[in-house]
Amino acid sequence: MAKKLSGNGFWESSRMMLPEHKARIIELAHEQKKRQRIELDEQEWEDVSRAVAQSMQQRQPVKLRMFHELEELEVFGVVDRVDQLRGRFMVDGEWFAIQDIEGASIEGN
């Protein structure tokens, strides 16, 4: 005995997705997860500069909130160098872009 199709019938039993549609759905999901870059005002940049300078001069660990499109990223460590010309700074031997800093705090404060 054949089973009768009910509700949306034929279409319910034969749903299909083209590879192009699947790729676009995945792409849209990634776009929705992207974070927006935060623009710091003058006072916030002064706080960041102070924290970076204090870390570099007094060898104190600093926590820097950094921009990343897909996740919340933090850099923790002592600032070794700042390269103003190239717009970057070094923490524990790794370079980071100054423009990506969204906030800073000296650890222990």
Protein backbone atom coordinates (compact mmCIF):
# COMPACT_ATOMS: atom_id res chain seq x y z
CA MET A 1 0.00 0.00 0.00
CA ALA A 2 1.45 3.36 -1.02
CA LYS A 3 1.81 6.07 1.58
CA LYS A 4 -0.09 9.26 0.84
CA LEU A 5 1.80 12.53 0.92
CA SER A 6 0.35 15.01 3.35
CA GLY A 7 0.91 18.70 4.05
CA ASN A 8 3.44 20.01 1.58
CA GLY A 9 3.63 16.53 0.13
CA PHE A 10 5.82 16.29 -2.92
CA TRP A 11 8.07 19.19 -1.95
CA GLU A 12 8.64 17.91 1.62
CA SER A 13 9.99 14.64 0.29
CA SER A 14 12.21 16.09 -2.42
CA ARG A 15 14.03 19.06 -0.89
CA MET A 16 17.36 19.65 -2.50
CA MET A 17 19.97 22.39 -2.15
CA LEU A 18 22.36 23.39 -4.89
CA PRO A 19 26.05 23.63 -3.91
CA GLU A 20 26.02 27.34 -4.83
CA HIS A 21 23.13 27.97 -2.44
CA LYS A 22 24.81 26.06 0.37
CA ALA A 23 28.06 28.01 -0.13
CA ARG A 24 26.16 31.32 -0.05
CA ILE A 25 24.30 30.35 3.14
CA ILE A 26 27.62 29.52 4.82
CA GLU A 27 29.12 32.80 3.57
CA LEU A 28 26.17 34.80 4.96
CA ALA A 29 26.49 33.06 8.33
CA HIS A 30 30.17 34.07 8.50
CA GLU A 31 29.34 37.67 7.56
CA GLN A 32 26.76 37.88 10.35
CA LYS A 33 29.34 36.71 12.90
CA LYS A 34 31.85 39.41 11.95
CA ARG A 35 32.59 42.01 14.59
CA GLN A 36 32.72 45.72 13.84
CA ARG A 37 35.89 47.68 14.56
CA ILE A 38 35.62 49.98 17.60
CA GLU A 39 36.82 53.55 17.12
CA LEU A 40 38.61 54.87 20.21
CA ASP A 41 38.33 58.51 21.21
CA GLU A 42 41.28 60.68 22.32
CA GLN A 43 40.93 59.80 26.01
CA GLU A 44 40.83 56.08 25.27
CA TRP A 45 43.95 56.37 23.06
CA GLU A 46 45.72 58.22 25.90
CA ASP A 47 44.83 55.38 28.29
CA VAL A 48 46.14 52.82 25.79
CA SER A 49 49.36 54.80 25.24
CA ARG A 50 49.89 55.13 28.98
CA ALA A 51 49.37 51.39 29.56
CA VAL A 52 51.71 50.43 26.70
CA ALA A 53 54.41 52.87 27.87
CA GLN A 54 54.13 51.68 31.47
CA SER A 55 54.40 48.06 30.36
CA MET A 56 57.47 48.80 28.26
CA GLN A 57 59.27 51.01 30.81
CA GLN A 58 58.44 49.13 34.02
CA ARG A 59 58.24 45.64 32.47
CA GLN A 60 54.69 45.19 33.75
CA PRO A 61 52.28 42.81 32.01
CA VAL A 62 49.51 44.50 30.07
CA LYS A 63 46.22 43.13 28.74
CA LEU A 64 45.27 44.52 25.34
CA ARG A 65 41.87 43.95 23.74
CA MET A 66 42.45 43.58 20.02
CA PHE A 67 40.16 43.74 17.01
CA HIS A 68 39.51 40.49 15.16
CA GLU A 69 36.62 39.98 12.76
CA LEU A 70 35.38 36.69 14.16
CA GLU A 71 36.36 36.51 17.82
CA GLU A 72 37.26 38.53 20.89
CA LEU A 73 41.04 38.58 21.06
CA GLU A 74 43.29 39.58 23.95
CA VAL A 75 47.05 39.95 24.01
CA PHE A 76 48.63 39.51 27.42
CA GLY A 77 52.29 40.14 28.20
CA VAL A 78 55.03 42.74 28.44
CA VAL A 79 55.44 45.21 25.57
CA ASP A 80 58.98 44.81 24.24
CA ARG A 81 59.05 47.41 21.47
CA VAL A 82 56.88 49.98 19.69
CA ASP A 83 57.48 50.80 16.03
CA GLN A 84 55.56 54.04 15.39
CA LEU A 85 56.75 54.23 11.78
CA ARG A 86 55.15 50.90 10.86
CA GLY A 87 52.27 51.27 13.33
CA ARG A 88 52.99 48.13 15.33
CA PHE A 89 54.14 46.92 18.72
CA MET A 90 55.79 43.75 20.00
CA VAL A 91 54.64 41.61 22.92
CA ASP A 92 56.72 38.55 23.81
CA GLY A 93 58.42 38.55 20.40
CA GLU A 94 55.25 38.86 18.30
CA TRP A 95 54.21 41.97 16.35
CA PHE A 96 50.67 43.39 16.45
CA ALA A 97 49.06 46.37 14.67
CA ILE A 98 48.52 49.44 16.84
CA GLN A 99 45.29 50.26 14.96
CA ASP A 100 43.79 46.95 16.14
CA ILE A 101 43.93 47.92 19.84
CA GLU A 102 40.43 48.35 21.31
CA GLY A 103 41.44 48.77 24.96
CA ALA A 104 44.27 48.25 27.45
CA SER A 105 44.79 47.66 31.14
CA ILE A 106 47.87 47.08 33.28
CA GLU A 107 47.51 43.79 35.11
CA GLY A 108 47.36 44.14 38.86
CA ASN A 109 45.57 47.52 38.67
